[in-house]
Structures are given as C-alpha cells and as structure tokens.
Amino acid sequence: MNSPASLPPSRIYKYFSFTSQNLENLKNQAIYFSSPKNFNDPYDCSVSPTIDVPSDEDVEGVRKQYLMEIPPGSPAHKQMLCATTEHLRQIFVKSAADTVAAKIKDFSERRGVSCFSESCNDLLMWAHYGGNYKGFCLEFESAYFAKLHKVNYSSTMPTFDPIPILRGEMEANDFMSVFSSKSPSWAYEKEWRALHANVGTLYSYPPQVLTGVYFGPEITKAALEIICLILQGQNETVKFWRGVKSTSEFKVEFDQIDYQSHLNAKRAAAEMPR
C-alpha cells in the first residue's frame, strides 16, 4: 500500500506514438501491460539487490527457529545444530539472495507492467515516448488504478534484510523496491507504474477514466482529427489539448481546443440564421 508521502497525483499521463496499434487500443479503451523484458532500461525489474549481513544475534535467532521446525535427530537438524555462526551466516545470506533472485525471475516472466508519468509536458518524454513530438499523451484519473507504485530513483541498488526472508515474513509488496527502482538518469520520467498479474494483457478501462488528450506540437492535422473522431464516438467528457512549442522557454505549452467533425461543422453552419 502506498504511504501518504507517496500517494499518486490526481491525474497521471501515458505517452504514445501515433501507430495503428496504439489507435486500436485507444478505440478499445484498453491499456497494454508489457513484459519488463521489453523495457528500454536494461536494469528495469532486473536489479541485483544487496543482502545485508545479519548479526550474530539474528543468525542464532533463525537457527533456533529452524531447530524447532526440523525433526530432531534428522541430518538437517544435526547440521543446523553443529554449524558455526559464521557458516550459518554465509548460508543464510546466500539463501536470501537466491529467494530474491527467484522473485525477480518470476516477476519478469509472469507479471505485466504499464508505466505512467506525473507530467504531460516533459520534453524528453515527448521525444522518447511521444513519437518525437508527433504523438499524443493520455490523461487518466489515477484513483481508478488501485495499486500504483512510485518509482524510486537511486544510484544504488535496493537493500534487503535477510532475516524476514528466511523467516517467511516477506510479502509480495515487500519486494516492490526491486520492481520500482531506477537510476537517477531516468528521473525526468516522474514515473508511476501499475502491475497486472499476467504479462501481455490488454486491460480495459471505462470511458470516464480518460479525462484528457494532449497532442504533441508536431502531430499532423490528420492524426489529430483521427484521435478526436475516435474519442468523440465513445467519450463525451474527454478534453483535447493542442501542444505548441514555446517561443520564450524550452517547453511545450497546451491550449484546450473544441473539435468539431467536418460533417458537424457543416450542419452547424447550415442551422445558423441567415
């Protein structure tokens, strides 16, 4: 669960290039949850966490717990009883590391991820994900996505205490730092991510969740009209914003536009009093 300090903003944004697949998903009101293996950051969801070295007291506490769970007189019980504290420490650190590695592998193979941003006007986001300014950016109500995870940007890998792992006290959410940690090089993304139980899933959303569309400053008139026509047929409340490059600052500015199809414009003109 997100802490109060990491609650998502009321609106989140997702950038798209203008492609037939993205238009089809827009028409179907669906978001694709991709495999992390397809991400452009090779570290994404595949970091190598550091396992803390447990103290003598912690090692002996886990030994005591294991001795209570292993049948007395069994080879495993004898090995646990006779092992030195240092030897057990090495075994416990390796066991915790293997558990985390298995979690990462399982996540990368089975779970789907969809990425969002806090910003709709970042220049790099438009260049990297918005079709080099020729695409579009969708604005969603974040409350609809129940489990959004904020990405943490850090120059170091996540660190885990091995003791809760060895005691079986770690829950799935406790491993989220592995799947939501990125280098500071990506901090401009201001990313929040949603997870799905199955990779490669198209997740449908109700029309009212999509509150706005922001068009890149280089989008063609035809592309803009295609998107407007798609959405006007299924979403009465969505707002359209046309992007322009500022002439005084390095930023994209947006003005709201009222789109009318050619036929509706002709009908409106015909109904005007002469």
Protein backbone atom coordinates (compact mmCIF):
# COMPACT_ATOMS: atom_id res chain seq x y z
CA MET A 1 0.00 0.00 0.00
CA ASN A 2 1.27 3.50 -0.80
CA SER A 3 2.18 5.61 2.19
CA PRO A 4 0.69 9.13 2.48
CA ALA A 5 4.01 10.54 1.26
CA SER A 6 3.79 8.51 -1.93
CA LEU A 7 0.16 8.97 -2.92
CA PRO A 8 -0.13 9.48 -6.68
CA PRO A 9 -1.28 12.82 -8.13
CA SER A 10 -4.94 13.06 -9.10
CA ARG A 11 -4.01 12.77 -12.79
CA ILE A 12 -1.41 10.55 -14.42
CA TYR A 13 -0.21 10.56 -18.02
CA LYS A 14 0.80 7.99 -20.61
CA TYR A 15 2.64 8.94 -23.81
CA PHE A 16 2.12 7.25 -27.17
CA SER A 17 3.46 7.44 -30.68
CA PHE A 18 0.90 7.59 -33.49
CA THR A 19 0.69 3.94 -34.59
CA SER A 20 -2.15 1.68 -35.71
CA GLN A 21 -1.75 -0.49 -32.59
CA ASN A 22 -1.96 2.49 -30.25
CA LEU A 23 -5.04 3.76 -32.11
CA GLU A 24 -6.65 0.33 -31.85
CA ASN A 25 -6.01 0.25 -28.09
CA LEU A 26 -7.44 3.77 -27.82
CA LYS A 27 -10.58 2.69 -29.67
CA ASN A 28 -10.89 -0.37 -27.42
CA GLN A 29 -10.28 1.78 -24.32
CA ALA A 30 -7.50 -0.53 -23.22
CA ILE A 31 -4.02 -0.25 -21.73
CA TYR A 32 -1.35 -2.82 -22.54
CA PHE A 33 0.67 -4.38 -19.72
CA SER A 34 4.04 -5.27 -21.18
CA SER A 35 6.80 -7.56 -20.02
CA PRO A 36 9.63 -5.74 -18.22
CA LYS A 37 11.95 -7.57 -20.61
CA ASN A 38 10.77 -5.19 -23.34
CA PHE A 39 11.71 -2.01 -21.46
CA ASN A 40 14.49 0.23 -22.73
CA ASP A 41 16.26 0.28 -19.36
CA PRO A 42 18.27 -2.98 -19.01
CA TYR A 43 18.18 -2.66 -15.21
CA ASP A 44 14.40 -2.24 -15.04
CA CYS A 45 12.89 -5.01 -12.85
CA SER A 46 16.17 -6.93 -13.03
CA VAL A 47 18.41 -5.22 -10.50
CA SER A 48 20.73 -7.15 -8.18
CA PRO A 49 19.74 -6.21 -4.62
CA THR A 50 22.27 -6.15 -1.79
CA ILE A 51 21.64 -8.56 1.07
CA ASP A 52 22.58 -7.14 4.46
CA VAL A 53 24.92 -9.21 6.64
CA PRO A 54 22.95 -10.40 9.69
CA SER A 55 24.31 -10.02 13.20
CA ASP A 56 25.30 -12.97 15.38
CA GLU A 57 22.11 -12.48 17.38
CA ASP A 58 19.96 -12.60 14.24
CA VAL A 59 21.74 -15.73 12.96
CA GLU A 60 21.23 -17.52 16.27
CA GLY A 61 17.58 -16.47 16.33
CA VAL A 62 16.98 -18.04 12.92
CA ARG A 63 18.95 -21.15 13.98
CA LYS A 64 16.67 -21.53 16.99
CA GLN A 65 13.56 -21.18 14.81
CA TYR A 66 14.81 -23.73 12.28
CA LEU A 67 15.74 -26.23 15.03
CA MET A 68 12.16 -26.08 16.27
CA GLU A 69 10.83 -26.82 12.77
CA ILE A 70 13.25 -29.60 11.75
CA PRO A 71 12.65 -33.16 13.06
CA PRO A 72 15.09 -33.84 15.95
CA GLY A 73 17.79 -36.36 15.07
CA SER A 74 17.49 -35.74 11.32
CA PRO A 75 20.65 -34.96 9.29
CA ALA A 76 19.39 -31.40 8.72
CA HIS A 77 18.80 -30.96 12.46
CA LYS A 78 22.32 -32.17 13.26
CA GLN A 79 23.86 -29.89 10.63
CA MET A 80 21.95 -26.90 11.93
CA LEU A 81 22.94 -27.72 15.50
CA CYS A 82 26.64 -28.15 14.76
CA ALA A 83 27.26 -25.38 12.25
CA THR A 84 29.24 -22.36 13.38
CA THR A 85 27.59 -18.95 13.49
CA GLU A 86 29.79 -17.71 10.65
CA HIS A 87 28.98 -20.70 8.46
CA LEU A 88 25.26 -20.22 9.04
CA ARG A 89 25.60 -16.53 8.27
CA GLN A 90 27.02 -17.34 4.85
CA ILE A 91 24.30 -19.92 4.18
CA PHE A 92 21.53 -17.54 5.26
CA VAL A 93 22.79 -14.66 3.09
CA LYS A 94 23.01 -16.97 0.05
CA SER A 95 19.55 -18.40 0.73
CA ALA A 96 18.02 -14.92 0.98
CA ALA A 97 19.81 -13.83 -2.22
CA ASP A 98 18.51 -16.93 -4.05
CA THR A 99 14.96 -16.18 -2.86
CA VAL A 100 15.12 -12.60 -4.13
CA ALA A 101 16.62 -13.73 -7.45
CA ALA A 102 13.78 -16.23 -7.87
CA LYS A 103 11.21 -13.49 -7.16
CA ILE A 104 12.81 -11.23 -9.79
CA LYS A 105 12.84 -14.02 -12.38
CA ASP A 106 9.22 -14.93 -11.68
CA PHE A 107 8.13 -11.29 -11.89
CA SER A 108 9.92 -10.68 -15.19
CA GLU A 109 8.39 -13.77 -16.77
CA ARG A 110 4.80 -13.55 -15.48
CA ARG A 111 3.85 -10.01 -14.45
CA GLY A 112 2.76 -7.17 -16.72
CA VAL A 113 3.74 -3.53 -16.18
CA SER A 114 2.26 -0.31 -17.54
CA CYS A 115 4.12 2.95 -16.98
CA PHE A 116 2.71 6.43 -16.36
CA SER A 117 4.14 9.87 -15.63
CA GLU A 118 3.23 12.79 -13.38
CA SER A 119 3.89 15.18 -16.27
CA CYS A 120 2.34 15.76 -19.69
CA ASN A 121 4.81 18.39 -20.90
CA ASP A 122 8.28 16.95 -20.41
CA LEU A 123 10.45 17.43 -23.50
CA LEU A 124 12.32 14.14 -23.15
CA MET A 125 9.11 12.20 -22.61
CA TRP A 126 7.68 13.64 -25.81
CA ALA A 127 10.89 12.80 -27.66
CA HIS A 128 11.30 9.27 -26.30
CA TYR A 129 7.71 8.04 -25.93
CA GLY A 130 5.50 10.58 -27.71
CA GLY A 131 6.63 9.80 -31.24
CA ASN A 132 9.23 12.60 -31.33
CA TYR A 133 6.52 15.21 -30.62
CA LYS A 134 4.22 13.73 -33.30
CA GLY A 135 2.23 11.54 -30.93
CA PHE A 136 -0.21 12.04 -28.09
CA CYS A 137 -0.46 11.76 -24.32
CA LEU A 138 -3.47 10.42 -22.43
CA GLU A 139 -4.59 11.83 -19.08
CA PHE A 140 -6.20 9.40 -16.62
CA GLU A 141 -7.82 9.64 -13.21
CA SER A 142 -5.22 7.96 -11.01
CA ALA A 143 -7.85 6.83 -8.46
CA TYR A 144 -9.03 4.21 -10.93
CA PHE A 145 -5.69 2.40 -10.72
CA ALA A 146 -5.85 0.96 -7.22
CA LYS A 147 -2.21 -0.10 -6.89
CA LEU A 148 0.09 2.47 -8.43
CA HIS A 149 3.71 2.25 -7.35
CA LYS A 150 6.00 5.26 -7.40
CA VAL A 151 9.40 4.68 -8.95
CA ASN A 152 12.35 5.46 -6.72
CA TYR A 153 15.41 6.93 -8.42
CA SER A 154 18.65 5.97 -6.72
CA SER A 155 22.29 5.48 -7.68
CA THR A 156 22.45 2.32 -5.53
CA MET A 157 20.59 -0.98 -5.69
CA PRO A 158 17.86 -1.85 -3.15
CA THR A 159 18.98 -3.50 0.08
CA PHE A 160 17.22 -6.36 1.87
CA ASP A 161 17.35 -7.61 5.42
CA PRO A 162 17.69 -11.40 5.05
CA ILE A 163 16.05 -12.29 8.37
CA PRO A 164 12.39 -11.62 7.40
CA ILE A 165 13.03 -13.50 4.14
CA LEU A 166 14.42 -16.54 5.99
CA ARG A 167 11.52 -16.49 8.44
CA GLY A 168 8.98 -16.38 5.62
CA GLU A 169 7.69 -12.97 6.73
CA MET A 170 8.26 -11.15 3.43
CA GLU A 171 5.10 -10.46 1.42
CA ALA A 172 4.90 -9.75 -2.31
CA ASN A 173 4.68 -5.98 -1.76
CA ASP A 174 7.85 -6.09 0.34
CA PHE A 175 9.77 -6.88 -2.84
CA MET A 176 8.36 -3.89 -4.73
CA SER A 177 11.57 -1.90 -4.25
CA VAL A 178 13.17 -4.28 -6.77
CA PHE A 179 10.48 -3.60 -9.35
CA SER A 180 10.22 0.15 -8.84
CA SER A 181 13.84 1.26 -8.60
CA LYS A 182 15.69 3.02 -11.40
CA SER A 183 18.82 5.04 -11.94
CA PRO A 184 18.62 8.85 -11.44
CA SER A 185 19.25 9.08 -15.20
CA TRP A 186 15.54 8.29 -15.63
CA ALA A 187 14.25 10.71 -13.00
CA TYR A 188 12.80 13.03 -15.66
CA GLU A 189 10.09 10.40 -16.26
CA LYS A 190 8.50 11.02 -12.82
CA GLU A 191 7.15 7.53 -13.20
CA TRP A 192 4.33 5.65 -11.54
CA ARG A 193 3.66 2.08 -12.57
CA ALA A 194 0.68 -0.23 -12.46
CA LEU A 195 1.09 -4.00 -12.29
CA HIS A 196 -1.01 -6.81 -13.69
CA ALA A 197 -0.96 -10.46 -12.65
CA ASN A 198 -0.45 -11.57 -16.26
CA VAL A 199 2.05 -10.28 -18.78
CA GLY A 200 0.83 -9.23 -22.23
CA THR A 201 -2.62 -8.25 -21.01
CA LEU A 202 -4.89 -5.58 -22.51
CA TYR A 203 -6.75 -4.02 -19.58
CA SER A 204 -9.99 -2.20 -20.40
CA TYR A 205 -11.00 0.99 -18.61
CA PRO A 206 -14.34 2.85 -18.52
CA PRO A 207 -14.59 5.98 -20.74
CA GLN A 208 -14.80 8.48 -17.88
CA VAL A 209 -11.38 7.43 -16.56
CA LEU A 210 -9.78 9.05 -19.61
CA THR A 211 -10.12 12.78 -18.90
CA GLY A 212 -7.87 14.40 -21.48
CA VAL A 213 -5.74 14.01 -24.59
CA TYR A 214 -2.63 16.13 -25.16
CA PHE A 215 -1.38 16.35 -28.72
CA GLY A 216 2.30 16.74 -29.49
CA PRO A 217 3.28 20.03 -31.16
CA GLU A 218 4.40 18.19 -34.31
CA ILE A 219 1.34 15.99 -34.74
CA THR A 220 -0.26 16.18 -38.17
CA LYS A 221 -3.75 17.60 -38.61
CA ALA A 222 -4.98 14.27 -39.94
CA ALA A 223 -3.60 12.35 -36.96
CA LEU A 224 -5.18 14.81 -34.52
CA GLU A 225 -8.56 14.51 -36.24
CA ILE A 226 -8.42 10.70 -36.25
CA ILE A 227 -7.91 10.63 -32.48
CA CYS A 228 -10.63 13.21 -31.88
CA LEU A 229 -13.09 11.27 -34.05
CA ILE A 230 -12.33 8.01 -32.23
CA LEU A 231 -12.92 9.53 -28.82
CA GLN A 232 -15.93 11.65 -29.66
CA GLY A 233 -17.71 8.45 -30.57
CA GLN A 234 -17.27 6.95 -27.10
CA ASN A 235 -16.34 9.62 -24.55
CA GLU A 236 -18.48 12.75 -24.15
CA THR A 237 -16.40 14.38 -21.43
CA VAL A 238 -12.81 13.96 -22.63
CA LYS A 239 -10.96 17.26 -23.26
CA PHE A 240 -8.49 17.93 -26.06
CA TRP A 241 -5.31 19.99 -25.67
CA ARG A 242 -3.13 21.11 -28.57
CA GLY A 243 0.57 21.42 -27.83
CA VAL A 244 2.76 24.22 -29.15
CA LYS A 245 6.45 24.87 -28.66
CA SER A 246 7.03 27.94 -26.54
CA THR A 247 8.90 30.76 -28.24
CA SER A 248 10.38 32.07 -24.98
CA GLU A 249 11.17 28.91 -22.98
CA PHE A 250 12.23 25.33 -23.63
CA LYS A 251 8.83 23.77 -23.00
CA VAL A 252 5.60 22.61 -24.60
CA GLU A 253 2.51 24.68 -23.82
CA PHE A 254 -1.05 23.44 -24.24
CA ASP A 255 -4.26 25.19 -25.25
CA GLN A 256 -7.63 23.48 -24.96
CA ILE A 257 -9.39 23.01 -28.29
CA ASP A 258 -13.01 22.25 -29.20
CA TYR A 259 -13.02 19.75 -32.01
CA GLN A 260 -15.90 19.50 -34.47
CA SER A 261 -16.00 16.98 -37.27
CA HIS A 262 -16.39 18.26 -40.81
CA LEU A 263 -19.99 17.00 -41.03
CA ASN A 264 -20.99 18.52 -37.70
CA ALA A 265 -19.40 21.82 -38.70
CA LYS A 266 -21.42 21.81 -41.94
CA ARG A 267 -24.64 21.03 -40.05
CA ALA A 268 -23.96 23.81 -37.56
CA ALA A 269 -23.26 26.27 -40.38
CA ALA A 270 -26.48 25.25 -42.16
CA GLU A 271 -28.53 25.79 -39.00
CA MET A 272 -27.19 29.32 -38.41
CA PRO A 273 -29.73 32.08 -39.18
CA ARG A 274 -29.03 33.96 -42.39
